[in-house]
Amino acid sequence: MPEIVVEIKNKSGLHLRPAAEFVKKAAEFQSNITLERDGKAVNAKSILHVQALGVRQGMTVKIRAEGADAEEALAALEELVNNKFGEE
């Protein structure tokens, strides 16, 4: 299963708006996508699960994708994170 590790660089971490952007982007793909922090993995297409991870600025998370469009999904999510969710 392909995976990437990214650092959350935006000031507010994965608070409501960035978490919603992340979930919205993940939902564009058919692949099963998980977001993991400190060994706890959640469904990346669930806003409640993503927010429950409590990801703040400077933390690293692992994103995994499994399915036909897994590589495309990871590339899109990595770009979203690296662009600080359009916040800065």
PDB file of N, CA and C in Angstrom:
ATOM      1  N   MET A   1       0.853  -1.168   0.000  1.00  0.00           N
ATOM      2  CA  MET A   1       0.000   0.000   0.000  1.00  0.00           C
ATOM      3  C   MET A   1       0.906   1.241   0.000  1.00  0.00           C
ATOM      4  N   PRO A   2       0.763   2.114  -1.005  1.00  0.00           N
ATOM      5  CA  PRO A   2       1.596   3.315  -1.043  1.00  0.00           C
ATOM      6  C   PRO A   2       1.279   4.256   0.120  1.00  0.00           C
ATOM      7  N   GLU A   3       2.318   4.937   0.573  1.00  0.00           N
ATOM      8  CA  GLU A   3       2.130   5.888   1.670  1.00  0.00           C
ATOM      9  C   GLU A   3       3.139   7.012   1.555  1.00  0.00           C
ATOM     10  N   ILE A   4       2.811   8.127   2.188  1.00  0.00           N
ATOM     11  CA  ILE A   4       3.716   9.266   2.275  1.00  0.00           C
ATOM     12  C   ILE A   4       3.675   9.794   3.705  1.00  0.00           C
ATOM     13  N   VAL A   5       4.721  10.494   4.091  1.00  0.00           N
ATOM     14  CA  VAL A   5       4.763  11.169   5.384  1.00  0.00           C
ATOM     15  C   VAL A   5       4.940  12.649   5.094  1.00  0.00           C
ATOM     16  N   VAL A   6       4.060  13.464   5.674  1.00  0.00           N
ATOM     17  CA  VAL A   6       4.104  14.907   5.452  1.00  0.00           C
ATOM     18  C   VAL A   6       4.067  15.641   6.787  1.00  0.00           C
ATOM     19  N   GLU A   7       4.651  16.824   6.780  1.00  0.00           N
ATOM     20  CA  GLU A   7       4.597  17.687   7.962  1.00  0.00           C
ATOM     21  C   GLU A   7       3.507  18.724   7.749  1.00  0.00           C
ATOM     22  N   ILE A   8       2.695  18.924   8.767  1.00  0.00           N
ATOM     23  CA  ILE A   8       1.644  19.931   8.711  1.00  0.00           C
ATOM     24  C   ILE A   8       2.284  21.272   9.041  1.00  0.00           C
ATOM     25  N   LYS A   9       2.292  22.177   8.074  1.00  0.00           N
ATOM     26  CA  LYS A   9       3.020  23.438   8.219  1.00  0.00           C
ATOM     27  C   LYS A   9       2.133  24.647   8.461  1.00  0.00           C
ATOM     28  N   ASN A  10       0.839  24.532   8.156  1.00  0.00           N
ATOM     29  CA  ASN A  10      -0.023  25.700   8.372  1.00  0.00           C
ATOM     30  C   ASN A  10      -0.204  25.955   9.862  1.00  0.00           C
ATOM     31  N   LYS A  11      -0.368  27.217  10.223  1.00  0.00           N
ATOM     32  CA  LYS A  11      -0.390  27.632  11.628  1.00  0.00           C
ATOM     33  C   LYS A  11      -1.457  26.950  12.463  1.00  0.00           C
ATOM     34  N   SER A  12      -2.591  26.675  11.867  1.00  0.00           N
ATOM     35  CA  SER A  12      -3.708  26.143  12.645  1.00  0.00           C
ATOM     36  C   SER A  12      -3.826  24.622  12.617  1.00  0.00           C
ATOM     37  N   GLY A  13      -2.883  23.932  11.969  1.00  0.00           N
ATOM     38  CA  GLY A  13      -2.956  22.477  11.923  1.00  0.00           C
ATOM     39  C   GLY A  13      -4.200  22.014  11.187  1.00  0.00           C
ATOM     40  N   LEU A  14      -4.727  20.872  11.586  1.00  0.00           N
ATOM     41  CA  LEU A  14      -5.940  20.355  10.946  1.00  0.00           C
ATOM     42  C   LEU A  14      -7.175  20.730  11.763  1.00  0.00           C
ATOM     43  N   HIS A  15      -7.378  22.039  11.933  1.00  0.00           N
ATOM     44  CA  HIS A  15      -8.617  22.497  12.560  1.00  0.00           C
ATOM     45  C   HIS A  15      -9.730  22.348  11.531  1.00  0.00           C
ATOM     46  N   LEU A  16     -10.886  22.884  11.791  1.00  0.00           N
ATOM     47  CA  LEU A  16     -12.066  22.590  10.982  1.00  0.00           C
ATOM     48  C   LEU A  16     -11.907  22.836   9.481  1.00  0.00           C
ATOM     49  N   ARG A  17     -11.486  24.025   9.070  1.00  0.00           N
ATOM     50  CA  ARG A  17     -11.425  24.302   7.634  1.00  0.00           C
ATOM     51  C   ARG A  17     -10.380  23.444   6.907  1.00  0.00           C
ATOM     52  N   PRO A  18      -9.129  23.373   7.387  1.00  0.00           N
ATOM     53  CA  PRO A  18      -8.165  22.507   6.697  1.00  0.00           C
ATOM     54  C   PRO A  18      -8.574  21.035   6.735  1.00  0.00           C
ATOM     55  N   ALA A  19      -9.153  20.588   7.833  1.00  0.00           N
ATOM     56  CA  ALA A  19      -9.612  19.196   7.911  1.00  0.00           C
ATOM     57  C   ALA A  19     -10.702  18.947   6.873  1.00  0.00           C
ATOM     58  N   ALA A  20     -11.597  19.916   6.715  1.00  0.00           N
ATOM     59  CA  ALA A  20     -12.662  19.779   5.724  1.00  0.00           C
ATOM     60  C   ALA A  20     -12.087  19.751   4.316  1.00  0.00           C
ATOM     61  N   GLU A  21     -11.082  20.569   4.056  1.00  0.00           N
ATOM     62  CA  GLU A  21     -10.425  20.571   2.745  1.00  0.00           C
ATOM     63  C   GLU A  21      -9.745  19.227   2.489  1.00  0.00           C
ATOM     64  N   PHE A  22      -9.105  18.686   3.505  1.00  0.00           N
ATOM     65  CA  PHE A  22      -8.425  17.397   3.382  1.00  0.00           C
ATOM     66  C   PHE A  22      -9.436  16.290   3.065  1.00  0.00           C
ATOM     67  N   VAL A  23     -10.517  16.255   3.812  1.00  0.00           N
ATOM     68  CA  VAL A  23     -11.558  15.232   3.617  1.00  0.00           C
ATOM     69  C   VAL A  23     -12.199  15.386   2.238  1.00  0.00           C
ATOM     70  N   LYS A  24     -12.463  16.618   1.840  1.00  0.00           N
ATOM     71  CA  LYS A  24     -13.062  16.870   0.525  1.00  0.00           C
ATOM     72  C   LYS A  24     -12.159  16.350  -0.587  1.00  0.00           C
ATOM     73  N   LYS A  25     -10.861  16.618  -0.479  1.00  0.00           N
ATOM     74  CA  LYS A  25      -9.907  16.157  -1.490  1.00  0.00           C
ATOM     75  C   LYS A  25      -9.824  14.634  -1.475  1.00  0.00           C
ATOM     76  N   ALA A  26      -9.768  14.019  -0.292  1.00  0.00           N
ATOM     77  CA  ALA A  26      -9.687  12.559  -0.187  1.00  0.00           C
ATOM     78  C   ALA A  26     -10.920  11.901  -0.808  1.00  0.00           C
ATOM     79  N   ALA A  27     -12.072  12.540  -0.638  1.00  0.00           N
ATOM     80  CA  ALA A  27     -13.330  11.977  -1.147  1.00  0.00           C
ATOM     81  C   ALA A  27     -13.404  11.990  -2.672  1.00  0.00           C
ATOM     82  N   GLU A  28     -12.534  12.730  -3.326  1.00  0.00           N
ATOM     83  CA  GLU A  28     -12.517  12.767  -4.790  1.00  0.00           C
ATOM     84  C   GLU A  28     -11.982  11.470  -5.403  1.00  0.00           C
ATOM     85  N   PHE A  29     -11.396  10.619  -4.574  1.00  0.00           N
ATOM     86  CA  PHE A  29     -10.749   9.406  -5.065  1.00  0.00           C
ATOM     87  C   PHE A  29     -11.477   8.154  -4.595  1.00  0.00           C
ATOM     88  N   GLN A  30     -11.402   7.115  -5.415  1.00  0.00           N
ATOM     89  CA  GLN A  30     -12.051   5.850  -5.072  1.00  0.00           C
ATOM     90  C   GLN A  30     -11.256   5.062  -4.038  1.00  0.00           C
ATOM     91  N   SER A  31      -9.972   5.276  -3.980  1.00  0.00           N
ATOM     92  CA  SER A  31      -9.112   4.521  -3.074  1.00  0.00           C
ATOM     93  C   SER A  31      -9.533   4.692  -1.618  1.00  0.00           C
ATOM     94  N   ASN A  32      -9.241   3.684  -0.817  1.00  0.00           N
ATOM     95  CA  ASN A  32      -9.372   3.803   0.631  1.00  0.00           C
ATOM     96  C   ASN A  32      -8.160   4.587   1.112  1.00  0.00           C
ATOM     97  N   ILE A  33      -8.402   5.646   1.865  1.00  0.00           N
ATOM     98  CA  ILE A  33      -7.320   6.522   2.310  1.00  0.00           C
ATOM     99  C   ILE A  33      -7.380   6.636   3.825  1.00  0.00           C
ATOM    100  N   THR A  34      -6.211   6.466   4.447  1.00  0.00           N
ATOM    101  CA  THR A  34      -6.132   6.613   5.897  1.00  0.00           C
ATOM    102  C   THR A  34      -5.119   7.690   6.248  1.00  0.00           C
ATOM    103  N   LEU A  35      -5.357   8.330   7.371  1.00  0.00           N
ATOM    104  CA  LEU A  35      -4.464   9.337   7.926  1.00  0.00           C
ATOM    105  C   LEU A  35      -4.023   8.805   9.282  1.00  0.00           C
ATOM    106  N   GLU A  36      -2.717   8.840   9.526  1.00  0.00           N
ATOM    107  CA  GLU A  36      -2.193   8.255  10.763  1.00  0.00           C
ATOM    108  C   GLU A  36      -1.284   9.235  11.487  1.00  0.00           C
ATOM    109  N   ARG A  37      -1.472   9.303  12.808  1.00  0.00           N
ATOM    110  CA  ARG A  37      -0.603  10.096  13.677  1.00  0.00           C
ATOM    111  C   ARG A  37      -0.311   9.282  14.925  1.00  0.00           C
ATOM    112  N   ASP A  38       0.942   9.140  15.249  1.00  0.00           N
ATOM    113  CA  ASP A  38       1.363   8.411  16.449  1.00  0.00           C
ATOM    114  C   ASP A  38       0.756   7.023  16.535  1.00  0.00           C
ATOM    115  N   GLY A  39       0.699   6.327  15.412  1.00  0.00           N
ATOM    116  CA  GLY A  39       0.206   4.950  15.392  1.00  0.00           C
ATOM    117  C   GLY A  39      -1.298   4.800  15.338  1.00  0.00           C
ATOM    118  N   LYS A  40      -2.029   5.895  15.384  1.00  0.00           N
ATOM    119  CA  LYS A  40      -3.489   5.825  15.299  1.00  0.00           C
ATOM    120  C   LYS A  40      -3.922   6.214  13.886  1.00  0.00           C
ATOM    121  N   ALA A  41      -4.536   5.277  13.172  1.00  0.00           N
ATOM    122  CA  ALA A  41      -4.970   5.513  11.798  1.00  0.00           C
ATOM    123  C   ALA A  41      -6.477   5.674  11.746  1.00  0.00           C
ATOM    124  N   VAL A  42      -6.909   6.656  10.936  1.00  0.00           N
ATOM    125  CA  VAL A  42      -8.346   6.919  10.791  1.00  0.00           C
ATOM    126  C   VAL A  42      -8.702   7.042   9.316  1.00  0.00           C
ATOM    127  N   ASN A  43      -9.975   6.939   9.040  1.00  0.00           N
ATOM    128  CA  ASN A  43     -10.498   7.120   7.692  1.00  0.00           C
ATOM    129  C   ASN A  43     -10.333   8.588   7.303  1.00  0.00           C
ATOM    130  N   ALA A  44      -9.569   8.847   6.246  1.00  0.00           N
ATOM    131  CA  ALA A  44      -9.298  10.217   5.828  1.00  0.00           C
ATOM    132  C   ALA A  44     -10.488  10.874   5.137  1.00  0.00           C
ATOM    133  N   LYS A  45     -11.559  10.128   4.946  1.00  0.00           N
ATOM    134  CA  LYS A  45     -12.759  10.683   4.316  1.00  0.00           C
ATOM    135  C   LYS A  45     -13.824  11.044   5.356  1.00  0.00           C
ATOM    136  N   SER A  46     -13.441  11.000   6.638  1.00  0.00           N
ATOM    137  CA  SER A  46     -14.358  11.321   7.729  1.00  0.00           C
ATOM    138  C   SER A  46     -13.847  12.541   8.483  1.00  0.00           C
ATOM    139  N   ILE A  47     -14.589  13.635   8.424  1.00  0.00           N
ATOM    140  CA  ILE A  47     -14.184  14.871   9.094  1.00  0.00           C
ATOM    141  C   ILE A  47     -14.029  14.661  10.601  1.00  0.00           C
ATOM    142  N   LEU A  48     -14.903  13.899  11.201  1.00  0.00           N
ATOM    143  CA  LEU A  48     -14.819  13.666  12.651  1.00  0.00           C
ATOM    144  C   LEU A  48     -13.550  12.900  13.013  1.00  0.00           C
ATOM    145  N   HIS A  49     -13.217  11.903  12.219  1.00  0.00           N
ATOM    146  CA  HIS A  49     -12.017  11.110  12.494  1.00  0.00           C
ATOM    147  C   HIS A  49     -10.751  11.931  12.287  1.00  0.00           C
ATOM    148  N   VAL A  50     -10.714  12.703  11.217  1.00  0.00           N
ATOM    149  CA  VAL A  50      -9.533  13.523  10.938  1.00  0.00           C
ATOM    150  C   VAL A  50      -9.320  14.539  12.058  1.00  0.00           C
ATOM    151  N   GLN A  51     -10.365  15.208  12.478  1.00  0.00           N
ATOM    152  CA  GLN A  51     -10.237  16.183  13.562  1.00  0.00           C
ATOM    153  C   GLN A  51      -9.872  15.520  14.893  1.00  0.00           C
ATOM    154  N   ALA A  52     -10.336  14.312  15.098  1.00  0.00           N
ATOM    155  CA  ALA A  52     -10.070  13.609  16.361  1.00  0.00           C
ATOM    156  C   ALA A  52      -8.585  13.317  16.560  1.00  0.00           C
ATOM    157  N   LEU A  53      -7.805  13.322  15.487  1.00  0.00           N
ATOM    158  CA  LEU A  53      -6.369  13.076  15.619  1.00  0.00           C
ATOM    159  C   LEU A  53      -5.647  14.234  16.298  1.00  0.00           C
ATOM    160  N   GLY A  54      -6.259  15.414  16.306  1.00  0.00           N
ATOM    161  CA  GLY A  54      -5.655  16.567  16.978  1.00  0.00           C
ATOM    162  C   GLY A  54      -4.328  16.996  16.368  1.00  0.00           C
ATOM    163  N   VAL A  55      -4.239  17.011  15.066  1.00  0.00           N
ATOM    164  CA  VAL A  55      -2.992  17.351  14.386  1.00  0.00           C
ATOM    165  C   VAL A  55      -2.768  18.860  14.422  1.00  0.00           C
ATOM    166  N   ARG A  56      -1.584  19.240  14.933  1.00  0.00           N
ATOM    167  CA  ARG A  56      -1.217  20.652  15.038  1.00  0.00           C
ATOM    168  C   ARG A  56      -0.010  20.960  14.157  1.00  0.00           C
ATOM    169  N   GLN A  57       0.276  22.226  14.018  1.00  0.00           N
ATOM    170  CA  GLN A  57       1.416  22.667  13.216  1.00  0.00           C
ATOM    171  C   GLN A  57       2.695  21.987  13.690  1.00  0.00           C
ATOM    172  N   GLY A  58       3.507  21.546  12.737  1.00  0.00           N
ATOM    173  CA  GLY A  58       4.783  20.919  13.055  1.00  0.00           C
ATOM    174  C   GLY A  58       4.720  19.413  13.232  1.00  0.00           C
ATOM    175  N   MET A  59       3.534  18.860  13.342  1.00  0.00           N
ATOM    176  CA  MET A  59       3.390  17.405  13.477  1.00  0.00           C
ATOM    177  C   MET A  59       3.513  16.739  12.111  1.00  0.00           C
ATOM    178  N   THR A  60       3.987  15.506  12.120  1.00  0.00           N
ATOM    179  CA  THR A  60       4.022  14.732  10.889  1.00  0.00           C
ATOM    180  C   THR A  60       2.913  13.686  10.934  1.00  0.00           C
ATOM    181  N   VAL A  61       2.348  13.436   9.770  1.00  0.00           N
ATOM    182  CA  VAL A  61       1.302  12.428   9.634  1.00  0.00           C
ATOM    183  C   VAL A  61       1.649  11.529   8.455  1.00  0.00           C
ATOM    184  N   LYS A  62       1.134  10.329   8.496  1.00  0.00           N
ATOM    185  CA  LYS A  62       1.308   9.377   7.414  1.00  0.00           C
ATOM    186  C   LYS A  62      -0.022   9.262   6.684  1.00  0.00           C
ATOM    187  N   ILE A  63       0.040   9.330   5.376  1.00  0.00           N
ATOM    188  CA  ILE A  63      -1.154   9.161   4.553  1.00  0.00           C
ATOM    189  C   ILE A  63      -0.957   7.905   3.719  1.00  0.00           C
ATOM    190  N   ARG A  64      -1.922   7.001   3.794  1.00  0.00           N
ATOM    191  CA  ARG A  64      -1.873   5.754   3.031  1.00  0.00           C
ATOM    192  C   ARG A  64      -3.080   5.701   2.109  1.00  0.00           C
ATOM    193  N   ALA A  65      -2.867   5.093   0.941  1.00  0.00           N
ATOM    194  CA  ALA A  65      -3.972   4.925   0.002  1.00  0.00           C
ATOM    195  C   ALA A  65      -3.884   3.540  -0.622  1.00  0.00           C
ATOM    196  N   GLU A  66      -5.051   2.939  -0.800  1.00  0.00           N
ATOM    197  CA  GLU A  66      -5.116   1.615  -1.412  1.00  0.00           C
ATOM    198  C   GLU A  66      -6.256   1.619  -2.423  1.00  0.00           C
ATOM    199  N   GLY A  67      -5.896   1.356  -3.685  1.00  0.00           N
ATOM    200  CA  GLY A  67      -6.904   1.324  -4.734  1.00  0.00           C
ATOM    201  C   GLY A  67      -6.317   1.734  -6.066  1.00  0.00           C
ATOM    202  N   ALA A  68      -7.164   1.766  -7.062  1.00  0.00           N
ATOM    203  CA  ALA A  68      -6.724   2.029  -8.435  1.00  0.00           C
ATOM    204  C   ALA A  68      -6.102   3.416  -8.602  1.00  0.00           C
ATOM    205  N   ASP A  69      -6.575   4.402  -7.860  1.00  0.00           N
ATOM    206  CA  ASP A  69      -6.058   5.764  -8.004  1.00  0.00           C
ATOM    207  C   ASP A  69      -5.239   6.209  -6.786  1.00  0.00           C
ATOM    208  N   ALA A  70      -4.604   5.247  -6.117  1.00  0.00           N
ATOM    209  CA  ALA A  70      -3.870   5.524  -4.880  1.00  0.00           C
ATOM    210  C   ALA A  70      -2.744   6.538  -5.072  1.00  0.00           C
ATOM    211  N   GLU A  71      -1.936   6.345  -6.100  1.00  0.00           N
ATOM    212  CA  GLU A  71      -0.802   7.251  -6.322  1.00  0.00           C
ATOM    213  C   GLU A  71      -1.283   8.668  -6.614  1.00  0.00           C
ATOM    214  N   GLU A  72      -2.331   8.792  -7.406  1.00  0.00           N
ATOM    215  CA  GLU A  72      -2.905  10.097  -7.732  1.00  0.00           C
ATOM    216  C   GLU A  72      -3.465  10.758  -6.472  1.00  0.00           C
ATOM    217  N   ALA A  73      -4.121   9.979  -5.635  1.00  0.00           N
ATOM    218  CA  ALA A  73      -4.689  10.507  -4.387  1.00  0.00           C
ATOM    219  C   ALA A  73      -3.589  11.035  -3.477  1.00  0.00           C
ATOM    220  N   LEU A  74      -2.525  10.263  -3.315  1.00  0.00           N
ATOM    221  CA  LEU A  74      -1.426  10.690  -2.450  1.00  0.00           C
ATOM    222  C   LEU A  74      -0.780  11.964  -2.976  1.00  0.00           C
ATOM    223  N   ALA A  75      -0.592  12.050  -4.283  1.00  0.00           N
ATOM    224  CA  ALA A  75       0.012  13.249  -4.872  1.00  0.00           C
ATOM    225  C   ALA A  75      -0.859  14.476  -4.616  1.00  0.00           C
ATOM    226  N   ALA A  76      -2.168  14.339  -4.776  1.00  0.00           N
ATOM    227  CA  ALA A  76      -3.085  15.455  -4.574  1.00  0.00           C
ATOM    228  C   ALA A  76      -3.120  15.887  -3.105  1.00  0.00           C
ATOM    229  N   LEU A  77      -3.131  14.929  -2.192  1.00  0.00           N
ATOM    230  CA  LEU A  77      -3.167  15.258  -0.768  1.00  0.00           C
ATOM    231  C   LEU A  77      -1.844  15.867  -0.314  1.00  0.00           C
ATOM    232  N   GLU A  78      -0.745  15.368  -0.847  1.00  0.00           N
ATOM    233  CA  GLU A  78       0.559  15.934  -0.509  1.00  0.00           C
ATOM    234  C   GLU A  78       0.644  17.387  -0.971  1.00  0.00           C
ATOM    235  N   GLU A  79       0.151  17.665  -2.156  1.00  0.00           N
ATOM    236  CA  GLU A  79       0.150  19.034  -2.674  1.00  0.00           C
ATOM    237  C   GLU A  79      -0.710  19.946  -1.795  1.00  0.00           C
ATOM    238  N   LEU A  80      -1.874  19.468  -1.383  1.00  0.00           N
ATOM    239  CA  LEU A  80      -2.751  20.241  -0.510  1.00  0.00           C
ATOM    240  C   LEU A  80      -2.053  20.596   0.801  1.00  0.00           C
ATOM    241  N   VAL A  81      -1.413  19.612   1.412  1.00  0.00           N
ATOM    242  CA  VAL A  81      -0.712  19.838   2.680  1.00  0.00           C
ATOM    243  C   VAL A  81       0.465  20.798   2.475  1.00  0.00           C
ATOM    244  N   ASN A  82       1.253  20.560   1.432  1.00  0.00           N
ATOM    245  CA  ASN A  82       2.427  21.411   1.178  1.00  0.00           C
ATOM    246  C   ASN A  82       2.051  22.851   0.844  1.00  0.00           C
ATOM    247  N   ASN A  83       0.859  23.053   0.307  1.00  0.00           N
ATOM    248  CA  ASN A  83       0.371  24.404   0.021  1.00  0.00           C
ATOM    249  C   ASN A  83      -0.349  25.012   1.222  1.00  0.00           C
ATOM    250  N   LYS A  84      -0.204  24.374   2.376  1.00  0.00           N
ATOM    251  CA  LYS A  84      -0.763  24.861   3.647  1.00  0.00           C
ATOM    252  C   LYS A  84      -2.268  25.082   3.560  1.00  0.00           C
ATOM    253  N   PHE A  85      -2.947  24.239   2.773  1.00  0.00           N
ATOM    254  CA  PHE A  85      -4.394  24.272   2.649  1.00  0.00           C
ATOM    255  C   PHE A  85      -4.886  25.633   2.152  1.00  0.00           C
ATOM    256  N   GLY A  86      -4.007  26.368   1.476  1.00  0.00           N
ATOM    257  CA  GLY A  86      -4.371  27.681   0.938  1.00  0.00           C
ATOM    258  C   GLY A  86      -4.517  28.758   1.999  1.00  0.00           C
ATOM    259  N   GLU A  87      -4.023  28.499   3.197  1.00  0.00           N
ATOM    260  CA  GLU A  87      -4.198  29.453   4.296  1.00  0.00           C
ATOM    261  C   GLU A  87      -3.167  30.569   4.300  1.00  0.00           C
ATOM    262  N   GLU A  88      -1.987  30.321   3.783  1.00  0.00           N
ATOM    263  CA  GLU A  88      -0.918  31.323   3.899  1.00  0.00           C
ATOM    264  C   GLU A  88      -0.344  31.654   2.551  1.00  0.00           C
TER     265      GLU A  88
END
